[in-house]
Amino acid sequence: MNNLFKALNDETRRMIIELLKEGDMDAGEIADKFKISKPSISHHLDILKRADLISSEKKGQHIIYTLNTSILEDIINWILTLKK
């Protein structure tokens, strides 16, 4: 759970999640949306993967990133149990 909150604590990673909400993207497409280096984007993607917020699949020479909505649903359900 610590990895999850660490991942969500950064604005760039939250913006990546917002991008992936619209559909799957490769690392280059994601990097094009930011004014930071590609290695920095790779670092953010790695943190999101370790938190299980995104998954990746190699397709040809590209790695396609996908939002993992089930982990987000789990978080929402957990937060709602705290309210009761």
Foldseek 3Di string as FASTA:
>chain_A
DVLQVVLVVDPLSVVLLVVLVVHKDWLVVSPVVDPDDSVVSVVSVVSCVVNVQWDWDDDPPTIIIHGDCVVVVVVVVVVVVVVD
